[in-house]
C-alpha atoms as a PDB file:
ATOM      1  CA  MET A   1      12.246  16.951   2.746  1.00  0.00           C
ATOM      2  CA  ILE A   2      11.859  18.372  -1.012  1.00  0.00           C
ATOM      3  CA  SER A   3      13.579  21.511  -1.835  1.00  0.00           C
ATOM      4  CA  GLY A   4      14.202  22.645   1.525  1.00  0.00           C
ATOM      5  CA  ILE A   5      10.227  21.940   2.264  1.00  0.00           C
ATOM      6  CA  ALA A   6       9.263  19.821   4.945  1.00  0.00           C
ATOM      7  CA  ALA A   7       6.839  17.601   4.619  1.00  0.00           C
ATOM      8  CA  SER A   8       4.929  18.958   7.783  1.00  0.00           C
ATOM      9  CA  SER A   9       4.446  22.511   6.358  1.00  0.00           C
ATOM     10  CA  LEU A  10       2.125  20.816   3.877  1.00  0.00           C
ATOM     11  CA  ASP A  11      -1.374  21.743   4.062  1.00  0.00           C
ATOM     12  CA  PRO A  12      -3.184  18.392   4.437  1.00  0.00           C
ATOM     13  CA  SER A  13      -6.808  19.260   4.930  1.00  0.00           C
ATOM     14  CA  GLY A  14      -7.952  17.424   2.228  1.00  0.00           C
ATOM     15  CA  GLY A  15      -7.399  14.405   4.256  1.00  0.00           C
ATOM     16  CA  LEU A  16      -5.763  11.149   3.562  1.00  0.00           C
ATOM     17  CA  VAL A  17      -6.562   8.365   0.780  1.00  0.00           C
ATOM     18  CA  LEU A  18      -5.680   4.692   1.993  1.00  0.00           C
ATOM     19  CA  LEU A  19      -5.518   1.862  -0.997  1.00  0.00           C
ATOM     20  CA  PRO A  20      -4.779  -1.458   0.702  1.00  0.00           C
ATOM     21  CA  GLY A  21      -2.858  -4.396  -0.560  1.00  0.00           C
ATOM     22  CA  TYR A  22      -3.772  -7.203  -2.497  1.00  0.00           C
ATOM     23  CA  MET A  23      -6.862  -9.098  -1.486  1.00  0.00           C
ATOM     24  CA  LEU A  24      -7.260  -6.454   1.181  1.00  0.00           C
ATOM     25  CA  ASP A  25     -10.118  -3.808   1.840  1.00  0.00           C
ATOM     26  CA  SER A  26     -10.872  -1.521   4.491  1.00  0.00           C
ATOM     27  CA  ASP A  27     -10.280  -3.302   7.155  1.00  0.00           C
ATOM     28  CA  LEU A  28      -6.743  -3.537   6.750  1.00  0.00           C
ATOM     29  CA  TRP A  29      -6.679  -0.076   8.086  1.00  0.00           C
ATOM     30  CA  ARG A  30      -8.960  -0.229  11.266  1.00  0.00           C
ATOM     31  CA  GLU A  31      -7.030   0.314  13.780  1.00  0.00           C
ATOM     32  CA  VAL A  32      -4.932   3.057  12.075  1.00  0.00           C
ATOM     33  CA  GLU A  33      -7.831   4.921  10.722  1.00  0.00           C
ATOM     34  CA  PRO A  34      -9.163   6.911  14.027  1.00  0.00           C
ATOM     35  CA  ALA A  35      -5.445   8.147  14.757  1.00  0.00           C
ATOM     36  CA  LEU A  36      -4.677   9.268  11.232  1.00  0.00           C
ATOM     37  CA  ALA A  37      -8.612  11.176  10.929  1.00  0.00           C
ATOM     38  CA  ARG A  38      -7.178  14.185  12.932  1.00  0.00           C
ATOM     39  CA  LEU A  39      -5.132  15.292   9.366  1.00  0.00           C
ATOM     40  CA  GLY A  40      -8.800  14.965   7.738  1.00  0.00           C
ATOM     41  CA  PRO A  41     -11.554  12.809   6.718  1.00  0.00           C
ATOM     42  CA  VAL A  42     -10.165   9.300   5.901  1.00  0.00           C
ATOM     43  CA  ARG A  43     -10.976   7.686   2.041  1.00  0.00           C
ATOM     44  CA  HIS A  44     -10.684   4.294   1.117  1.00  0.00           C
ATOM     45  CA  GLY A  45      -9.505   3.946  -2.511  1.00  0.00           C
ATOM     46  CA  ASP A  46     -11.385   1.299  -4.829  1.00  0.00           C
ATOM     47  CA  LEU A  47      -8.482  -1.142  -6.493  1.00  0.00           C
ATOM     48  CA  PHE A  48     -11.416  -3.611  -7.197  1.00  0.00           C
ATOM     49  CA  GLN A  49     -12.697  -2.708 -10.401  1.00  0.00           C
ATOM     50  CA  ASP A  50      -9.870  -2.513 -12.725  1.00  0.00           C
ATOM     51  CA  ASP A  51      -7.141  -4.821 -13.921  1.00  0.00           C
ATOM     52  CA  THR A  52      -3.871  -2.284 -14.183  1.00  0.00           C
ATOM     53  CA  ILE A  53      -2.571  -0.058 -12.009  1.00  0.00           C
ATOM     54  CA  GLU A  54      -3.254   2.954 -14.417  1.00  0.00           C
ATOM     55  CA  ALA A  55      -6.532   2.080 -14.546  1.00  0.00           C
ATOM     56  CA  MET A  56      -6.807   1.679 -10.527  1.00  0.00           C
ATOM     57  CA  ALA A  57      -4.899   5.222 -10.517  1.00  0.00           C
ATOM     58  CA  ARG A  58      -7.084   7.097 -12.635  1.00  0.00           C
ATOM     59  CA  ARG A  59     -10.351   5.877 -10.459  1.00  0.00           C
ATOM     60  CA  VAL A  60      -8.619   6.669  -7.314  1.00  0.00           C
ATOM     61  CA  LEU A  61      -7.991  10.405  -8.696  1.00  0.00           C
ATOM     62  CA  GLU A  62     -11.408  10.378  -9.964  1.00  0.00           C
ATOM     63  CA  ALA A  63     -13.084   9.760  -6.400  1.00  0.00           C
ATOM     64  CA  ALA A  64     -10.375  11.845  -4.330  1.00  0.00           C
ATOM     65  CA  PRO A  65     -10.460  15.527  -3.294  1.00  0.00           C
ATOM     66  CA  GLN A  66      -8.504  18.315  -4.930  1.00  0.00           C
ATOM     67  CA  HIS A  67      -5.529  18.215  -2.271  1.00  0.00           C
ATOM     68  CA  PHE A  68      -4.459  14.987  -0.133  1.00  0.00           C
ATOM     69  CA  VAL A  69      -2.262  12.907   1.589  1.00  0.00           C
ATOM     70  CA  LEU A  70      -1.722   9.696   0.087  1.00  0.00           C
ATOM     71  CA  VAL A  71      -0.500   6.567   1.706  1.00  0.00           C
ATOM     72  CA  GLY A  72      -0.614   2.900  -0.264  1.00  0.00           C
ATOM     73  CA  PHE A  73       0.073  -0.234   1.060  1.00  0.00           C
ATOM     74  CA  SER A  74       2.243  -3.308  -0.713  1.00  0.00           C
ATOM     75  CA  MET A  75       0.055  -3.281  -4.091  1.00  0.00           C
ATOM     76  CA  GLY A  76      -1.743  -0.168  -2.912  1.00  0.00           C
ATOM     77  CA  GLY A  77       2.153   0.999  -3.301  1.00  0.00           C
ATOM     78  CA  TYR A  78       2.385   0.561  -6.722  1.00  0.00           C
ATOM     79  CA  VAL A  79      -0.802   2.446  -7.738  1.00  0.00           C
ATOM     80  CA  ALA A  80       0.205   5.108  -4.944  1.00  0.00           C
ATOM     81  CA  ARG A  81       3.302   5.959  -7.065  1.00  0.00           C
ATOM     82  CA  GLU A  82       1.270   6.122 -10.329  1.00  0.00           C
ATOM     83  CA  VAL A  83      -1.344   8.639  -8.696  1.00  0.00           C
ATOM     84  CA  ALA A  84       1.331  10.910  -7.222  1.00  0.00           C
ATOM     85  CA  ARG A  85       2.909  10.620 -11.295  1.00  0.00           C
ATOM     86  CA  MET A  86      -0.656  11.708 -12.486  1.00  0.00           C
ATOM     87  CA  ALA A  87      -1.446  14.054 -10.372  1.00  0.00           C
ATOM     88  CA  PRO A  88       1.451  16.031  -8.755  1.00  0.00           C
ATOM     89  CA  ALA A  89      -0.199  19.041  -8.048  1.00  0.00           C
ATOM     90  CA  ARG A  90      -2.836  17.194  -5.644  1.00  0.00           C
ATOM     91  CA  VAL A  91      -1.081  14.908  -3.641  1.00  0.00           C
ATOM     92  CA  ALA A  92       0.269  17.004  -0.723  1.00  0.00           C
ATOM     93  CA  SER A  93       2.684  13.875   0.344  1.00  0.00           C
ATOM     94  CA  LEU A  94       3.029  10.320  -0.354  1.00  0.00           C
ATOM     95  CA  VAL A  95       3.200   7.359   2.042  1.00  0.00           C
ATOM     96  CA  LEU A  96       4.562   4.432   0.750  1.00  0.00           C
ATOM     97  CA  VAL A  97       4.035   0.714   3.174  1.00  0.00           C
ATOM     98  CA  ALA A  98       5.669  -2.397   2.844  1.00  0.00           C
ATOM     99  CA  THR A  99       5.786  -1.453  -1.334  1.00  0.00           C
ATOM    100  CA  SER A 100       8.367  -2.264  -3.777  1.00  0.00           C
ATOM    101  CA  ALA A 101       9.383  -1.045  -6.969  1.00  0.00           C
ATOM    102  CA  ARG A 102      10.573  -3.905  -8.420  1.00  0.00           C
ATOM    103  CA  ALA A 103       9.016  -6.088 -11.081  1.00  0.00           C
ATOM    104  CA  ASP A 104       7.424  -9.271 -10.739  1.00  0.00           C
ATOM    105  CA  SER A 105       9.749 -12.288  -9.774  1.00  0.00           C
ATOM    106  CA  ASP A 106       9.664 -15.162 -12.395  1.00  0.00           C
ATOM    107  CA  ALA A 107       7.281 -17.238 -10.081  1.00  0.00           C
ATOM    108  CA  GLN A 108       4.824 -14.181  -9.596  1.00  0.00           C
ATOM    109  CA  ARG A 109       4.686 -14.329 -13.196  1.00  0.00           C
ATOM    110  CA  ALA A 110       3.882 -18.093 -13.784  1.00  0.00           C
ATOM    111  CA  ARG A 111       1.628 -17.776 -11.048  1.00  0.00           C
ATOM    112  CA  ARG A 112      -0.118 -14.897 -12.698  1.00  0.00           C
ATOM    113  CA  GLU A 113      -0.286 -16.638 -16.270  1.00  0.00           C
ATOM    114  CA  ALA A 114      -1.634 -19.824 -14.594  1.00  0.00           C
ATOM    115  CA  ILE A 115      -4.752 -17.626 -13.067  1.00  0.00           C
ATOM    116  CA  ALA A 116      -5.167 -16.555 -16.162  1.00  0.00           C
ATOM    117  CA  ARG A 117      -5.623 -19.496 -17.985  1.00  0.00           C
ATOM    118  CA  ARG A 118      -8.545 -21.262 -15.123  1.00  0.00           C
ATOM    119  CA  PRO A 119     -11.951 -20.932 -16.055  1.00  0.00           C
ATOM    120  CA  ALA A 120     -14.256 -18.074 -15.357  1.00  0.00           C
ATOM    121  CA  GLU A 121     -16.340 -20.620 -13.288  1.00  0.00           C
ATOM    122  CA  THR A 122     -13.483 -21.884 -11.306  1.00  0.00           C
ATOM    123  CA  ALA A 123     -14.456 -21.344  -7.590  1.00  0.00           C
ATOM    124  CA  PHE A 124     -12.264 -18.998  -5.425  1.00  0.00           C
ATOM    125  CA  ARG A 125     -11.755 -20.986  -1.945  1.00  0.00           C
ATOM    126  CA  GLY A 126      -9.894 -18.293  -0.108  1.00  0.00           C
ATOM    127  CA  LEU A 127      -6.217 -17.749  -0.162  1.00  0.00           C
ATOM    128  CA  SER A 128      -4.247 -20.622   1.937  1.00  0.00           C
ATOM    129  CA  ARG A 129      -3.327 -20.436   5.345  1.00  0.00           C
ATOM    130  CA  THR A 130       0.520 -20.695   4.155  1.00  0.00           C
ATOM    131  CA  ALA A 131       0.334 -17.780   2.262  1.00  0.00           C
ATOM    132  CA  LEU A 132      -1.501 -15.489   4.460  1.00  0.00           C
ATOM    133  CA  ALA A 133       1.065 -16.783   7.574  1.00  0.00           C
ATOM    134  CA  ALA A 134       4.018 -15.933   5.556  1.00  0.00           C
ATOM    135  CA  SER A 135       2.385 -12.208   5.511  1.00  0.00           C
ATOM    136  CA  LEU A 136       2.770 -11.756   9.270  1.00  0.00           C
ATOM    137  CA  HIS A 137       5.893 -11.723  11.822  1.00  0.00           C
ATOM    138  CA  PRO A 138       7.171 -15.399  12.525  1.00  0.00           C
ATOM    139  CA  ASP A 139       6.140 -14.935  15.901  1.00  0.00           C
ATOM    140  CA  ARG A 140       2.702 -14.307  14.708  1.00  0.00           C
ATOM    141  CA  ALA A 141       2.358 -16.789  11.892  1.00  0.00           C
ATOM    142  CA  GLY A 142       0.038 -19.076  13.633  1.00  0.00           C
ATOM    143  CA  ASP A 143      -2.400 -16.264  15.478  1.00  0.00           C
ATOM    144  CA  ALA A 144      -5.577 -17.875  14.713  1.00  0.00           C
ATOM    145  CA  VAL A 145      -7.641 -14.377  15.211  1.00  0.00           C
ATOM    146  CA  LEU A 146      -5.168 -12.333  12.710  1.00  0.00           C
ATOM    147  CA  LEU A 147      -5.185 -15.696   9.981  1.00  0.00           C
ATOM    148  CA  GLU A 148      -9.235 -15.105  10.104  1.00  0.00           C
ATOM    149  CA  ARG A 149      -9.113 -11.472   9.521  1.00  0.00           C
ATOM    150  CA  LEU A 150      -6.695 -11.735   6.503  1.00  0.00           C
ATOM    151  CA  ARG A 151      -8.697 -14.643   5.012  1.00  0.00           C
ATOM    152  CA  ALA A 152     -12.384 -12.771   5.842  1.00  0.00           C
ATOM    153  CA  MET A 153     -10.789  -9.595   3.750  1.00  0.00           C
ATOM    154  CA  GLY A 154     -10.246 -12.270   0.735  1.00  0.00           C
ATOM    155  CA  ASP A 155     -13.097 -13.658   1.043  1.00  0.00           C
ATOM    156  CA  ARG A 156     -15.111 -10.490   1.225  1.00  0.00           C
ATOM    157  CA  LEU A 157     -13.637  -9.696  -1.952  1.00  0.00           C
ATOM    158  CA  GLY A 158     -14.170 -12.836  -4.101  1.00  0.00           C
ATOM    159  CA  GLY A 159     -13.350 -14.641  -6.794  1.00  0.00           C
ATOM    160  CA  THR A 160     -13.676 -11.563  -9.544  1.00  0.00           C
ATOM    161  CA  VAL A 161     -10.992  -9.457  -7.646  1.00  0.00           C
ATOM    162  CA  PHE A 162      -9.103 -12.384  -6.817  1.00  0.00           C
ATOM    163  CA  ALA A 163      -8.492 -13.145 -10.971  1.00  0.00           C
ATOM    164  CA  ARG A 164      -8.298  -9.079 -11.413  1.00  0.00           C
ATOM    165  CA  GLN A 165      -5.811  -8.224  -8.756  1.00  0.00           C
ATOM    166  CA  SER A 166      -3.676 -11.581  -9.392  1.00  0.00           C
ATOM    167  CA  ARG A 167      -3.509 -10.861 -13.281  1.00  0.00           C
ATOM    168  CA  LEU A 168      -2.045  -7.660 -12.693  1.00  0.00           C
ATOM    169  CA  ARG A 169       0.908  -6.694 -14.243  1.00  0.00           C
ATOM    170  CA  ARG A 170       4.191  -5.558 -13.072  1.00  0.00           C
ATOM    171  CA  ASP A 171       6.529  -6.201 -15.661  1.00  0.00           C
ATOM    172  CA  ALA A 172       9.590  -3.740 -15.674  1.00  0.00           C
ATOM    173  CA  PRO A 173      11.411  -2.135 -12.520  1.00  0.00           C
ATOM    174  CA  ASP A 174       9.921   0.975 -12.076  1.00  0.00           C
ATOM    175  CA  ALA A 175      12.521   3.593 -13.859  1.00  0.00           C
ATOM    176  CA  ARG A 176       9.995   6.787 -13.214  1.00  0.00           C
ATOM    177  CA  LEU A 177      10.945   6.946  -9.516  1.00  0.00           C
ATOM    178  CA  GLY A 178      12.340  10.520  -9.956  1.00  0.00           C
ATOM    179  CA  ASP A 179       9.466  11.869 -11.547  1.00  0.00           C
ATOM    180  CA  ILE A 180       7.619  11.716  -8.426  1.00  0.00           C
ATOM    181  CA  ALA A 181       7.735  15.283  -7.125  1.00  0.00           C
ATOM    182  CA  CYS A 182       5.667  15.551  -3.359  1.00  0.00           C
ATOM    183  CA  PRO A 183       7.734  14.913  -0.167  1.00  0.00           C
ATOM    184  CA  THR A 184       7.535  11.152   0.115  1.00  0.00           C
ATOM    185  CA  LEU A 185       7.734   8.644   3.127  1.00  0.00           C
ATOM    186  CA  VAL A 186       8.848   4.885   2.580  1.00  0.00           C
ATOM    187  CA  ILE A 187       7.890   2.864   5.658  1.00  0.00           C
ATOM    188  CA  ALA A 188       9.608  -0.849   6.277  1.00  0.00           C
ATOM    189  CA  ALA A 189       8.850  -3.537   8.804  1.00  0.00           C
ATOM    190  CA  ASP A 190      12.414  -5.376   9.958  1.00  0.00           C
ATOM    191  CA  HIS A 191      10.746  -9.063   9.766  1.00  0.00           C
ATOM    192  CA  ASP A 192       8.728  -8.631   6.429  1.00  0.00           C
ATOM    193  CA  ARG A 193       9.221 -12.226   4.684  1.00  0.00           C
ATOM    194  CA  LEU A 194       7.385 -10.854   1.197  1.00  0.00           C
ATOM    195  CA  ARG A 195       9.041  -7.326   0.606  1.00  0.00           C
ATOM    196  CA  SER A 196      12.888  -6.491   2.248  1.00  0.00           C
ATOM    197  CA  LEU A 197      14.772  -3.954   3.316  1.00  0.00           C
ATOM    198  CA  ALA A 198      16.627  -3.443  -0.117  1.00  0.00           C
ATOM    199  CA  GLU A 199      13.508  -3.006  -1.725  1.00  0.00           C
ATOM    200  CA  ALA A 200      12.353  -0.104   0.544  1.00  0.00           C
ATOM    201  CA  GLU A 201      15.892   1.469   0.591  1.00  0.00           C
ATOM    202  CA  GLU A 202      15.742   1.563  -3.412  1.00  0.00           C
ATOM    203  CA  LEU A 203      12.033   3.216  -2.940  1.00  0.00           C
ATOM    204  CA  ARG A 204      14.010   5.855  -0.927  1.00  0.00           C
ATOM    205  CA  ASP A 205      17.213   6.286  -3.346  1.00  0.00           C
ATOM    206  CA  GLY A 206      15.393   6.548  -6.212  1.00  0.00           C
ATOM    207  CA  ILE A 207      12.399   9.256  -5.222  1.00  0.00           C
ATOM    208  CA  PRO A 208      14.271  12.399  -4.829  1.00  0.00           C
ATOM    209  CA  GLY A 209      14.408  13.389  -0.902  1.00  0.00           C
ATOM    210  CA  ALA A 210      12.362  10.279   0.144  1.00  0.00           C
ATOM    211  CA  VAL A 211      13.051   9.214   3.701  1.00  0.00           C
ATOM    212  CA  LEU A 212      13.082   5.831   5.296  1.00  0.00           C
ATOM    213  CA  ARG A 213      11.298   4.659   8.471  1.00  0.00           C
ATOM    214  CA  VAL A 214      11.749   1.005   9.320  1.00  0.00           C
ATOM    215  CA  VAL A 215       8.890  -0.641  12.080  1.00  0.00           C
ATOM    216  CA  ALA A 216      10.464  -3.106  14.573  1.00  0.00           C
ATOM    217  CA  GLY A 217       8.925  -6.284  15.634  1.00  0.00           C
ATOM    218  CA  SER A 218       6.692  -6.418  12.615  1.00  0.00           C
ATOM    219  CA  GLY A 219       5.851  -8.531   9.418  1.00  0.00           C
ATOM    220  CA  HIS A 220       4.367  -7.656   6.168  1.00  0.00           C
ATOM    221  CA  MET A 221       0.828  -6.479   7.613  1.00  0.00           C
ATOM    222  CA  ILE A 222       2.339  -3.138   9.400  1.00  0.00           C
ATOM    223  CA  PRO A 223      -0.661  -1.773   9.139  1.00  0.00           C
ATOM    224  CA  ILE A 224      -2.531  -4.652  11.480  1.00  0.00           C
ATOM    225  CA  GLU A 225       1.030  -5.705  13.349  1.00  0.00           C
ATOM    226  CA  ALA A 226       2.417  -2.255  14.008  1.00  0.00           C
ATOM    227  CA  PRO A 227      -1.269   0.483  13.803  1.00  0.00           C
ATOM    228  CA  GLU A 228       0.439   2.984  16.547  1.00  0.00           C
ATOM    229  CA  ALA A 229       3.792   2.883  15.166  1.00  0.00           C
ATOM    230  CA  LEU A 230       2.687   3.279  11.724  1.00  0.00           C
ATOM    231  CA  ALA A 231      -0.009   5.823  12.750  1.00  0.00           C
ATOM    232  CA  ARG A 232       2.450   7.805  14.842  1.00  0.00           C
ATOM    233  CA  LEU A 233       5.426   7.535  11.650  1.00  0.00           C
ATOM    234  CA  ILE A 234       3.126   9.122   9.140  1.00  0.00           C
ATOM    235  CA  LEU A 235       1.357  12.021  11.471  1.00  0.00           C
ATOM    236  CA  ASP A 236       5.420  13.010  12.214  1.00  0.00           C
ATOM    237  CA  PHE A 237       5.821  12.881   8.673  1.00  0.00           C
ATOM    238  CA  VAL A 238       2.453  14.817   7.496  1.00  0.00           C
ATOM    239  CA  GLY A 239       2.629  17.147  10.476  1.00  0.00           C
ATOM    240  CA  GLN A 240      -0.451  17.295  12.845  1.00  0.00           C
ATOM    241  CA  PRO A 241      -2.830  20.179  12.677  1.00  0.00           C
ATOM    242  CA  GLU A 242      -3.155  22.270  15.616  1.00  0.00           C
ATOM    243  CA  THR A 243      -5.304  21.779  18.594  1.00  0.00           C
END
């Protein structure tokens, strides 16, 4: 609740815009999308053509309706916050899933710089099984079907998008969380090995009026691992239109 206004009182008639995470495409939302469609048309933001968060946010806004609910997952959460700051009158409510306001770690910076030094013609061989497994709940880390689904998204996006997204700079903690004016829901998972509960709490505490919900039994990939729980949290927060 922000300034006494519940998110459910807002008009989501413009539908939703969904933003994926690193090396993920619209298939991330496959099981979530049918439930969310009751809020209106569902659109998928393009995070594949730009190499800065600001440029990604501008592209999302160019394609978005005038008034919409914005859902950002992981890397997409960084972009979603920028969209909400750029166009506060257009974002009816904001949902941040398995994301953070923190800067890149030293290891992430080193990895980004190593990728930037690679020759342009270097072949992209896909994301490693170890990296993909770490994004899932420990009990699902060996699930061949889930791992192949995640790998297939990266393969579809390919080496050019891999290079762009890997070089994306997040050099300082986000000190502008207080500028986000729309109702905001932060969603975390209790077995996320990539983004901690502390990072979700920082988002909740930094964004005025934000609320935090934790999904039980899921790793980082909440839209795939716990789609029904995720959809219900979003629908309850945004409010469902009368049927």
